[in-house]
Each structure stands twice: as C-alpha cells, then as structure tokens.
Amino acid sequence: MAEADPVKEPVAGQAGHPNGSEAAAILLMLLGDEEAADVLSRLEPDDVQSLGSAMFSVADVSEEQVEDVFDLFLNRAKARTTIGFGATPRIRAVMQHALGEERAATMLARITPPARSRAFNSLRWMDAKTIAMLVENEHPQIAALVLAHLESAIAADVLQLLPTDMQSDVIYRVATLGEVTSEALDELERILAEQATKPSSSPAPYRGGASEAAKIMNNTRPGADQRIIKAVAKMDKRLAQTIEEEMFIFDNLMELDDKNLGILLRNVENDVLVVALKGANDVLRDKMYACMSQRAAQSVQDEMEERGPMRLADVLEAQREMLGIARRLADAGTIILAGRGDDYV
C-alpha cells in the first residue's frame, strides 16, 4: 500500500496565499482582544508597525486563506522544539553540578546574557527628539548610558540634538563607559518614570567603548564629527585618536566607488601603498588594482613580491597613513567616504 503524501505547507507570498506579515495579521485578528494585545506587547516596535499595517490589508480574506494560515501555523509549530523553554535554570543546575557552586557562579557571570532593563525597552519606542529632551538636563553620564544602548544611527540623531557644549563630553563618556552600575540603571528608570529596578544577581552589563562611540560618530553629519573629535582630544588625545581610527578602518575603503578610490590612490605615495596593500584582503587589493593603470598595478605587485614578508606594525602604520589621507581628502570635500553621514546636496 502506497504511503500517503505528506501535507505540504502553503507557500507564503504565492498567488492566493498570504505573505508572512499578512498571515500573522490574520492569525492575530482571529484572537480575542486581550490575547492579541498580549502578543503585540512582546514584539519589537518595527514588528508592531509592520503587523499593524498588514492588519488593515487583510480585512477581507477568504475562508481558504484563513485555512492556509492555520496550516502554516500548525506546520511550523510542530517543527519547533521545547529546548529553549526554561533553559536558564537548567543551564545553571548543570553548571553547578559540574563545577560546584563557586566556580559555576564565576562561569555564569561571564556567559549569562544581561537582562535588559525596562528603561532600555522604553527607549526603543521613543524618537530621537523625545530622548534628547529627556537627557539634555541630566548628568552627561546618564546621556552617555542612553546613547550606548541605542542603535548607532538613532544615537547620532540624539547626540546632534543635545546642546553643542555637551556633545563632546557625552561622546567621551560613551567611549569610557564600561560597566553599567545598578545605580545608573535605577536613575535611568527614574527619568523614564518607571518603577526603580530591584537589585539583580546577573552580571553588570558592559556597553560603550571607543567602538560604540565610533559607530555613533559615523552617523553624525559631516563637519560635526571632526568638531566633536577635536573637543574630545582636549580631554583625552589618545582616546580621540582611538575613536577616529575606529570610525574608519582600512576595510571600509571597499565601500568607496571607483572614482573616489582612484582619487585616494593618486594621493598616496607608492612606498606607502605597497606596504599598506600587503595586509589588505584579496578583494580590496583587486579593487584598488582595477582603479590604477595596468602598468601602475603591475609595478605595485612586483614591488610587493620583491620586498617579501613585512612587519605587521609597518603594514598597520601604512594603512593608518592611507586612512589619514582619506579623512583629509573627505574633510576637504575632494572625496566622499561612505557611512560618514550619507548626506547629499
């Protein structure tokens, strides 16, 4: 006797079948108000917006489409496991059994993801102007804490809405933030009119740092970045240099179009270029060769082969020199560096 064919899952997005957002919207509208509200409360802001829009588009659906949604939901539900439910207590118990109480506590402190404060969840629903108004009269450390927990593009918008004389202080504090204390979280909860957080046994989260500050700076408008960096340099020259280096790394040259990359290459001494390319990945190296004349590219390749192995410190120094030239050309308006504001006029 032949086996029955397996039930095929409806293909979302095909003619007659709801796509992912529409399927979720149909399922949500079949729930009661309280159940639907509970589902929405657990979603990210972008998901709520997408789902809300889809709910308006599925007001008139056929019985067949509703059945498709149920089939899609049931098939996917059957494919899920329960391994993730109650994982934290079980991981803790296994660690304690294997390592003992003290060693397990040390290990768990290193690997347990920090619980996200309700304050930060609230921030995700606010626009940049609202956030800036909340923190502009608070201590700069609170403002730094807020910026370090936002998406870098939103954090940049907030930074630029703060008073000019406050911006460099805030970006300096983002770069040196490190461990976030429970007191700072409590203060942020107060600012956001939330109930004060209770002491937690989970490890204190680490945020901020030069990389985080650099991501924020990369999203500020052209001109504002250098002004803030110069002001930070007056507080800590080495930190300002580190942030600036993190803002634009050698691999970012891959994002330049052929015209801008060609201009950069014409402004770099051949000796510097040969050493810098020694540490470049093959894709970036080939892109740079393509922006040179065939003769110039061959000359660089021949010299790289003749020099043989090079010290890593020399390669990194040459790459930093190239990046410095790129920044100077960008500040002069000669080239456009991708990611530095992305504004066009």
Protein backbone atom coordinates (compact mmCIF):
# COMPACT_ATOMS: atom_id res chain seq x y z
CA MET A 1 0.00 0.00 0.00
CA ALA A 2 1.46 3.33 -1.03
CA GLU A 3 2.24 5.84 1.69
CA ALA A 4 0.10 8.94 1.82
CA ASP A 5 1.73 12.11 0.50
CA PRO A 6 2.90 14.45 3.27
CA VAL A 7 0.88 17.59 3.79
CA LYS A 8 2.58 20.47 2.03
CA GLU A 9 2.93 23.77 3.80
CA PRO A 10 1.28 26.67 1.98
CA VAL A 11 3.86 28.86 0.26
CA ALA A 12 3.53 32.39 1.66
CA GLY A 13 3.52 35.11 -0.93
CA GLN A 14 2.29 32.94 -3.82
CA ALA A 15 -0.93 33.89 -5.58
CA GLY A 16 -3.83 33.39 -3.20
CA HIS A 17 -1.62 32.75 -0.19
CA PRO A 18 -0.97 35.49 2.43
CA ASN A 19 2.66 36.55 2.89
CA GLY A 20 4.39 36.38 6.28
CA SER A 21 3.07 39.67 7.68
CA GLU A 22 -0.42 39.06 6.28
CA ALA A 23 -0.54 35.55 7.73
CA ALA A 24 0.49 36.88 11.14
CA ALA A 25 -2.12 39.65 10.88
CA ILE A 26 -4.90 37.18 10.02
CA LEU A 27 -3.95 34.95 12.93
CA LEU A 28 -3.82 37.93 15.29
CA MET A 29 -7.25 39.17 14.21
CA LEU A 30 -8.74 35.76 14.91
CA LEU A 31 -7.64 36.07 18.56
CA GLY A 32 -9.54 37.90 21.26
CA ASP A 33 -8.58 41.49 22.08
CA GLU A 34 -6.63 40.58 25.24
CA GLU A 35 -4.75 37.72 23.58
CA ALA A 36 -3.88 39.87 20.56
CA ALA A 37 -2.72 42.70 22.81
CA ASP A 38 -0.52 40.28 24.76
CA VAL A 39 1.14 39.14 21.53
CA LEU A 40 1.73 42.72 20.35
CA SER A 41 3.26 43.70 23.70
CA ARG A 42 6.03 41.14 23.17
CA LEU A 43 7.10 42.42 19.75
CA GLU A 44 9.70 44.96 18.67
CA PRO A 45 8.44 48.43 17.58
CA ASP A 46 9.24 47.76 13.91
CA ASP A 47 7.36 44.46 14.05
CA VAL A 48 4.32 46.13 15.61
CA GLN A 49 4.29 48.74 12.84
CA SER A 50 4.64 46.11 10.11
CA LEU A 51 1.96 43.90 11.65
CA GLY A 52 -0.39 46.84 12.22
CA SER A 53 -0.14 47.83 8.56
CA ALA A 54 -0.80 44.25 7.49
CA MET A 55 -3.92 44.08 9.68
CA PHE A 56 -5.51 46.86 7.62
CA SER A 57 -4.76 44.99 4.38
CA VAL A 58 -6.39 41.68 5.43
CA ALA A 59 -9.79 42.96 6.49
CA ASP A 60 -11.44 40.95 3.70
CA VAL A 61 -9.99 37.44 3.37
CA SER A 62 -11.47 34.20 2.10
CA GLU A 63 -12.12 31.08 4.14
CA GLU A 64 -9.44 29.30 2.11
CA GLN A 65 -6.84 31.93 3.08
CA VAL A 66 -7.74 31.56 6.76
CA GLU A 67 -7.27 27.78 6.45
CA ASP A 68 -3.90 28.37 4.78
CA VAL A 69 -2.83 30.47 7.75
CA PHE A 70 -3.86 27.77 10.22
CA ASP A 71 -1.98 25.12 8.19
CA LEU A 72 1.11 27.35 8.07
CA PHE A 73 0.97 27.99 11.81
CA LEU A 74 0.39 24.33 12.76
CA ASN A 75 3.13 23.00 10.48
CA ARG A 76 5.66 25.45 11.89
CA ALA A 77 4.54 24.84 15.47
CA LYS A 78 5.06 21.08 15.01
CA ALA A 79 8.59 21.72 13.74
CA ARG A 80 9.59 23.68 16.84
CA THR A 81 11.21 22.06 19.86
CA THR A 82 10.93 23.00 23.52
CA ILE A 83 14.70 23.10 24.10
CA GLY A 84 14.71 26.83 24.71
CA PHE A 85 11.97 26.86 27.35
CA GLY A 86 13.27 27.06 30.90
CA ALA A 87 16.83 26.94 29.62
CA THR A 88 18.35 29.32 32.18
CA PRO A 89 17.54 27.28 35.33
CA ARG A 90 18.68 24.07 33.65
CA ILE A 91 21.99 25.57 32.45
CA ARG A 92 22.60 26.91 35.97
CA ALA A 93 21.86 23.48 37.52
CA VAL A 94 24.17 21.67 35.07
CA MET A 95 26.99 24.16 35.69
CA GLN A 96 26.63 23.86 39.46
CA HIS A 97 26.62 20.08 39.28
CA ALA A 98 29.72 20.03 37.08
CA LEU A 99 31.76 22.85 38.64
CA GLY A 100 30.40 23.40 42.12
CA GLU A 101 28.60 26.48 43.44
CA GLU A 102 31.51 28.93 43.49
CA ARG A 103 33.13 28.04 40.15
CA ALA A 104 29.72 27.82 38.46
CA ALA A 105 28.81 31.31 39.69
CA THR A 106 32.06 32.69 38.24
CA MET A 107 31.50 30.98 34.90
CA LEU A 108 27.84 32.03 34.68
CA ALA A 109 28.81 35.63 35.42
CA ARG A 110 30.95 35.56 32.29
CA ILE A 111 28.48 33.92 29.91
CA THR A 112 24.98 34.85 31.06
CA PRO A 113 23.40 37.44 28.76
CA PRO A 114 22.49 40.52 30.83
CA ALA A 115 18.81 41.12 31.45
CA ARG A 116 17.65 44.18 29.58
CA SER A 117 16.29 46.94 31.76
CA ARG A 118 12.72 48.06 31.16
CA ALA A 119 14.17 51.53 30.73
CA PHE A 120 16.01 50.48 27.60
CA ASN A 121 12.88 48.73 26.31
CA SER A 122 11.02 52.03 26.73
CA LEU A 123 13.71 53.90 24.80
CA ARG A 124 13.12 51.76 21.73
CA TRP A 125 9.65 53.29 21.39
CA MET A 126 10.83 56.91 21.54
CA ASP A 127 12.06 59.14 18.73
CA ALA A 128 15.39 60.98 18.85
CA LYS A 129 13.84 64.32 19.83
CA THR A 130 11.99 62.83 22.80
CA ILE A 131 15.11 61.04 24.04
CA ALA A 132 17.22 64.19 23.69
CA MET A 133 14.68 66.19 25.71
CA LEU A 134 14.78 63.53 28.44
CA VAL A 135 18.55 63.57 28.90
CA GLU A 136 19.68 67.09 27.98
CA ASN A 137 19.21 68.35 31.56
CA GLU A 138 20.56 65.19 33.19
CA HIS A 139 24.16 64.34 34.06
CA PRO A 140 26.22 63.63 30.89
CA GLN A 141 26.92 60.13 32.23
CA ILE A 142 23.19 59.33 32.01
CA ALA A 143 23.09 60.68 28.46
CA ALA A 144 26.10 58.52 27.58
CA LEU A 145 24.41 55.46 29.07
CA VAL A 146 21.32 56.10 26.96
CA LEU A 147 23.27 56.63 23.72
CA ALA A 148 25.33 53.49 24.24
CA HIS A 149 22.15 51.38 24.34
CA LEU A 150 20.56 52.89 21.22
CA GLU A 151 21.06 51.91 17.60
CA SER A 152 24.03 53.93 16.37
CA ALA A 153 22.01 55.91 13.79
CA ILE A 154 19.41 56.93 16.37
CA ALA A 155 22.13 57.68 18.93
CA ALA A 156 23.76 60.02 16.40
CA ASP A 157 20.48 61.88 15.92
CA VAL A 158 20.10 62.25 19.69
CA LEU A 159 23.70 63.43 20.06
CA GLN A 160 23.20 66.19 17.50
CA LEU A 161 20.02 67.36 19.24
CA LEU A 162 21.88 67.85 22.54
CA PRO A 163 23.47 71.23 23.38
CA THR A 164 26.71 71.71 21.42
CA ASP A 165 28.86 72.12 24.52
CA MET A 166 27.50 68.82 25.87
CA GLN A 167 28.16 66.66 22.77
CA SER A 168 31.89 66.08 23.18
CA ASP A 169 31.51 65.31 26.89
CA VAL A 170 28.82 62.73 26.12
CA ILE A 171 30.80 61.01 23.35
CA TYR A 172 33.84 60.94 25.65
CA ARG A 173 31.76 59.22 28.32
CA VAL A 174 30.35 56.73 25.80
CA ALA A 175 33.88 55.75 24.86
CA THR A 176 34.88 55.27 28.53
CA LEU A 177 31.58 53.89 29.83
CA GLY A 178 32.50 50.29 30.67
CA GLU A 179 30.49 48.67 33.46
CA VAL A 180 26.94 49.94 33.94
CA THR A 181 26.11 50.06 37.63
CA SER A 182 22.71 49.25 39.09
CA GLU A 183 22.57 52.82 40.43
CA ALA A 184 22.85 54.19 36.89
CA LEU A 185 20.07 51.87 35.73
CA ASP A 186 17.90 52.98 38.64
CA GLU A 187 18.49 56.62 37.75
CA LEU A 188 17.53 55.96 34.16
CA GLU A 189 14.37 54.18 35.32
CA ARG A 190 13.54 57.28 37.35
CA ILE A 191 14.00 59.53 34.37
CA LEU A 192 11.68 57.38 32.29
CA ALA A 193 9.06 57.38 35.07
CA GLU A 194 9.43 53.63 35.63
CA GLN A 195 9.48 51.81 38.94
CA ALA A 196 13.01 51.55 40.36
CA THR A 197 14.75 48.30 39.40
CA LYS A 198 15.42 45.68 42.06
CA PRO A 199 18.99 44.53 42.77
CA SER A 200 19.89 41.79 40.33
CA SER A 201 22.29 38.88 40.72
CA SER A 202 23.01 38.92 36.97
CA PRO A 203 26.38 40.31 35.89
CA ALA A 204 26.56 44.05 35.26
CA PRO A 205 26.36 44.68 31.52
CA TYR A 206 29.26 46.29 29.69
CA ARG A 207 28.50 48.81 26.98
CA GLY A 208 30.16 51.78 25.39
CA GLY A 209 33.83 51.86 24.48
CA ALA A 210 35.66 53.52 21.61
CA SER A 211 33.98 51.24 19.05
CA GLU A 212 30.50 52.21 20.27
CA ALA A 213 31.44 55.88 20.25
CA ALA A 214 32.85 55.50 16.73
CA LYS A 215 29.60 53.95 15.45
CA ILE A 216 27.67 56.92 16.79
CA MET A 217 30.17 59.36 15.31
CA ASN A 218 29.97 57.65 11.91
CA ASN A 219 26.30 58.63 11.76
CA THR A 220 26.73 62.31 12.60
CA ARG A 221 26.61 64.95 9.89
CA PRO A 222 29.85 65.82 8.06
CA GLY A 223 31.70 68.50 10.00
CA ALA A 224 30.09 67.66 13.33
CA ASP A 225 32.25 64.55 13.67
CA GLN A 226 35.55 66.43 13.45
CA ARG A 227 34.34 69.20 15.74
CA ILE A 228 33.40 66.67 18.42
CA ILE A 229 36.60 64.65 17.95
CA LYS A 230 38.72 67.80 18.40
CA ALA A 231 36.86 68.64 21.60
CA VAL A 232 37.33 65.08 22.90
CA ALA A 233 41.05 65.35 22.08
CA LYS A 234 41.33 68.24 24.53
CA MET A 235 40.06 65.88 27.26
CA ASP A 236 42.00 62.79 26.12
CA LYS A 237 44.12 62.95 22.96
CA ARG A 238 44.80 59.23 22.81
CA LEU A 239 41.13 58.34 23.22
CA ALA A 240 40.14 60.78 20.48
CA GLN A 241 42.69 59.15 18.16
CA THR A 242 41.34 55.69 19.01
CA ILE A 243 37.76 56.75 18.30
CA GLU A 244 38.79 58.32 14.99
CA GLU A 245 40.65 55.16 13.97
CA GLU A 246 37.61 53.03 14.85
CA MET A 247 35.37 55.34 12.81
CA PHE A 248 37.07 54.36 9.57
CA ILE A 249 39.12 51.17 9.20
CA PHE A 250 41.11 50.01 6.18
CA ASP A 251 38.46 47.52 5.01
CA ASN A 252 35.99 50.43 4.76
CA LEU A 253 37.88 51.55 1.67
CA MET A 254 36.00 48.74 -0.07
CA GLU A 255 32.87 50.91 0.16
CA LEU A 256 34.39 53.71 -1.93
CA ASP A 257 33.31 53.87 -5.55
CA ASP A 258 35.95 53.67 -8.28
CA LYS A 259 36.13 57.43 -8.74
CA ASN A 260 36.75 58.24 -5.07
CA LEU A 261 39.13 55.32 -4.63
CA GLY A 262 41.10 56.41 -7.70
CA ILE A 263 41.48 59.93 -6.28
CA LEU A 264 42.70 58.49 -2.97
CA LEU A 265 45.26 56.23 -4.66
CA ARG A 266 46.68 59.17 -6.63
CA ASN A 267 47.31 60.98 -3.33
CA VAL A 268 49.19 58.10 -1.67
CA GLU A 269 52.94 57.66 -2.10
CA ASN A 270 53.86 54.40 -3.85
CA ASP A 271 56.02 53.20 -0.92
CA VAL A 272 53.10 53.64 1.50
CA LEU A 273 50.68 51.93 -0.88
CA VAL A 274 52.92 48.88 -1.36
CA VAL A 275 53.20 48.28 2.39
CA ALA A 276 49.52 49.01 3.10
CA LEU A 277 48.31 46.58 0.42
CA LYS A 278 50.47 43.82 1.87
CA GLY A 279 47.91 43.45 4.68
CA ALA A 280 44.77 44.03 2.57
CA ASN A 281 42.33 41.26 1.74
CA ASP A 282 42.35 39.99 -1.85
CA VAL A 283 39.03 41.59 -2.80
CA LEU A 284 40.08 45.07 -1.67
CA ARG A 285 43.51 44.66 -3.24
CA ASP A 286 41.99 43.68 -6.60
CA LYS A 287 39.58 46.62 -6.44
CA MET A 288 42.49 49.00 -5.91
CA TYR A 289 44.44 47.46 -8.80
CA ALA A 290 41.37 47.98 -11.02
CA CYS A 291 41.43 51.71 -10.17
CA MET A 292 45.07 52.04 -11.33
CA SER A 293 46.58 51.86 -14.76
CA GLN A 294 47.69 48.37 -15.73
CA ARG A 295 51.31 49.49 -15.60
CA ALA A 296 50.97 51.05 -12.11
CA ALA A 297 49.16 47.98 -10.74
CA GLN A 298 51.84 45.66 -12.09
CA SER A 299 54.56 47.86 -10.60
CA VAL A 300 52.95 47.67 -7.14
CA GLN A 301 52.56 43.89 -7.37
CA ASP A 302 56.19 43.43 -8.47
CA GLU A 303 57.48 45.58 -5.61
CA MET A 304 55.36 43.66 -3.08
CA GLU A 305 56.89 40.40 -4.28
CA GLU A 306 60.43 41.81 -4.18
CA ARG A 307 60.05 43.06 -0.60
CA GLY A 308 58.83 39.70 0.68
CA PRO A 309 57.45 39.41 4.26
CA MET A 310 56.82 42.72 6.05
CA ARG A 311 56.43 43.55 9.72
CA LEU A 312 52.79 43.75 10.79
CA ALA A 313 53.50 47.01 12.65
CA ASP A 314 54.79 48.59 9.41
CA VAL A 315 51.73 47.39 7.48
CA LEU A 316 49.31 48.80 10.05
CA GLU A 317 51.17 52.10 10.14
CA ALA A 318 50.97 52.39 6.35
CA GLN A 319 47.26 51.62 6.43
CA ARG A 320 46.73 54.27 9.12
CA GLU A 321 48.60 56.76 6.93
CA MET A 322 46.33 55.94 3.98
CA LEU A 323 43.24 56.35 6.16
CA GLY A 324 44.56 59.69 7.40
CA ILE A 325 44.92 60.85 3.79
CA ALA A 326 41.39 59.62 3.05
CA ARG A 327 39.99 61.57 6.01
CA ARG A 328 41.82 64.75 4.97
CA LEU A 329 40.52 64.44 1.41
CA ALA A 330 37.00 63.86 2.74
CA ASP A 331 37.20 66.89 5.05
CA ALA A 332 38.31 68.99 2.08
CA GLY A 333 35.36 67.71 0.03
CA THR A 334 37.65 66.03 -2.52
CA ILE A 335 36.22 62.55 -1.93
CA ILE A 336 33.14 61.13 -0.20
CA LEU A 337 33.62 58.43 2.42
CA ALA A 338 30.68 56.02 2.65
CA GLY A 339 28.93 55.99 6.03
CA ARG A 340 30.01 59.46 7.18
CA GLY A 341 26.55 60.99 7.36
CA ASP A 342 25.36 59.71 3.96
CA ASP A 343 24.03 63.20 3.18
CA TYR A 344 23.82 64.54 -0.36
CA VAL A 345 23.29 68.11 -1.54
